[in-house]
């Protein structure tokens, strides 16, 4: 394969992995540990 193809596939895979991890952190089981700063400081 050409180096440009390998590089583009690698960058795409990294972006998909980061997106998947972000969605898992935001909506999966770890989301119960997240705090909402707006709820913490209600007047």
N, C-alpha and C. Protein backbone atom coordinates (compact mmCIF):
# COMPACT_ATOMS: atom_id res chain seq x y z
N UNK A 1 0.84 -1.19 0.00
CA UNK A 1 0.00 0.00 0.00
C UNK A 1 0.88 1.25 0.00
N UNK A 2 0.31 2.30 -0.48
CA UNK A 2 1.04 3.56 -0.49
C UNK A 2 1.04 4.18 0.90
N UNK A 3 2.07 4.93 1.22
CA UNK A 3 2.13 5.55 2.56
C UNK A 3 0.97 6.51 2.84
N UNK A 4 0.47 7.19 1.83
CA UNK A 4 -0.65 8.11 2.05
C UNK A 4 -1.91 7.34 2.45
N UNK A 5 -2.11 6.17 1.87
CA UNK A 5 -3.28 5.36 2.21
C UNK A 5 -3.18 4.85 3.65
N UNK A 6 -2.01 4.38 4.02
CA UNK A 6 -1.80 3.88 5.38
C UNK A 6 -2.00 5.01 6.39
N UNK A 7 -1.46 6.18 6.09
CA UNK A 7 -1.61 7.32 6.99
C UNK A 7 -3.06 7.74 7.13
N UNK A 8 -3.80 7.80 6.05
CA UNK A 8 -5.21 8.21 6.13
C UNK A 8 -6.05 7.19 6.87
N UNK A 9 -5.77 5.91 6.69
CA UNK A 9 -6.50 4.88 7.42
C UNK A 9 -6.17 4.96 8.91
N UNK A 10 -4.90 5.22 9.23
CA UNK A 10 -4.49 5.33 10.64
C UNK A 10 -5.15 6.52 11.32
N UNK A 11 -5.16 7.66 10.64
CA UNK A 11 -5.79 8.85 11.21
C UNK A 11 -7.28 8.63 11.39
N UNK A 12 -7.93 8.00 10.42
CA UNK A 12 -9.36 7.70 10.53
C UNK A 12 -9.66 6.76 11.69
N UNK A 13 -8.82 5.75 11.87
CA UNK A 13 -9.03 4.80 12.97
C UNK A 13 -8.85 5.47 14.32
N UNK A 14 -7.87 6.37 14.42
CA UNK A 14 -7.65 7.09 15.67
C UNK A 14 -8.84 7.99 15.99
N UNK A 15 -9.35 8.68 14.98
CA UNK A 15 -10.51 9.56 15.20
C UNK A 15 -11.74 8.76 15.63
N UNK A 16 -11.96 7.62 15.01
CA UNK A 16 -13.10 6.78 15.38
C UNK A 16 -12.93 6.25 16.81
N UNK A 17 -11.70 5.89 17.19
CA UNK A 17 -11.46 5.40 18.55
C UNK A 17 -11.70 6.49 19.58
N UNK A 18 -11.23 7.70 19.32
CA UNK A 18 -11.45 8.81 20.25
C UNK A 18 -12.94 9.13 20.37
N UNK A 19 -13.64 9.13 19.24
CA UNK A 19 -15.08 9.39 19.26
C UNK A 19 -15.83 8.32 20.05
N UNK A 20 -15.48 7.07 19.84
CA UNK A 20 -16.12 5.98 20.57
C UNK A 20 -15.87 6.06 22.06
N UNK A 21 -14.63 6.37 22.45
CA UNK A 21 -14.31 6.51 23.87
C UNK A 21 -15.05 7.68 24.49
N UNK A 22 -15.19 8.77 23.76
CA UNK A 22 -15.91 9.93 24.27
C UNK A 22 -17.38 9.62 24.48
N UNK A 23 -18.00 8.94 23.55
CA UNK A 23 -19.41 8.56 23.68
C UNK A 23 -19.59 7.60 24.85
N UNK A 24 -18.66 6.65 24.99
CA UNK A 24 -18.73 5.70 26.11
C UNK A 24 -18.61 6.43 27.45
N UNK A 25 -17.69 7.40 27.52
CA UNK A 25 -17.51 8.15 28.76
C UNK A 25 -18.72 9.02 29.08
N UNK A 26 -19.33 9.60 28.05
CA UNK A 26 -20.45 10.52 28.28
C UNK A 26 -21.75 9.79 28.60
N UNK A 27 -22.00 8.65 27.99
CA UNK A 27 -23.30 7.99 28.14
C UNK A 27 -23.24 6.61 28.76
N UNK A 28 -22.06 6.03 28.92
CA UNK A 28 -21.92 4.68 29.48
C UNK A 28 -21.87 4.70 30.98
N UNK A 29 -21.44 3.60 31.58
CA UNK A 29 -21.35 3.50 33.04
C UNK A 29 -20.48 4.57 33.70
N UNK A 30 -19.37 5.01 33.08
CA UNK A 30 -18.58 6.05 33.75
C UNK A 30 -19.30 7.39 33.89
N UNK A 31 -20.41 7.57 33.21
CA UNK A 31 -21.11 8.86 33.26
C UNK A 31 -21.72 9.12 34.63
N UNK A 32 -21.89 8.09 35.45
CA UNK A 32 -22.47 8.31 36.78
C UNK A 32 -21.51 9.08 37.68
N UNK A 33 -20.21 9.06 37.36
CA UNK A 33 -19.23 9.78 38.17
C UNK A 33 -19.07 11.23 37.74
N UNK A 34 -19.65 11.62 36.61
CA UNK A 34 -19.53 12.99 36.14
C UNK A 34 -20.46 13.90 36.93
N UNK A 35 -20.04 15.12 37.16
CA UNK A 35 -20.89 16.07 37.87
C UNK A 35 -21.32 17.18 36.93
N UNK A 36 -22.47 17.75 37.21
CA UNK A 36 -22.99 18.85 36.41
C UNK A 36 -22.73 20.15 37.17
N UNK A 37 -21.84 20.99 36.67
CA UNK A 37 -21.52 22.21 37.41
C UNK A 37 -22.70 23.17 37.54
N UNK A 38 -23.67 23.11 36.64
CA UNK A 38 -24.83 23.98 36.73
C UNK A 38 -25.76 23.54 37.86
N UNK A 39 -25.84 22.22 38.12
CA UNK A 39 -26.66 21.74 39.23
C UNK A 39 -25.99 22.00 40.57
N UNK A 40 -24.67 22.04 40.58
CA UNK A 40 -23.93 22.26 41.82
C UNK A 40 -24.09 23.68 42.34
N UNK A 41 -24.35 24.65 41.46
CA UNK A 41 -24.37 26.05 41.86
C UNK A 41 -25.72 26.71 41.56
N UNK A 42 -26.81 26.00 41.81
CA UNK A 42 -28.13 26.60 41.61
C UNK A 42 -28.41 27.62 42.71
N UNK A 43 -29.07 28.69 42.31
CA UNK A 43 -29.40 29.73 43.30
C UNK A 43 -30.82 29.59 43.79
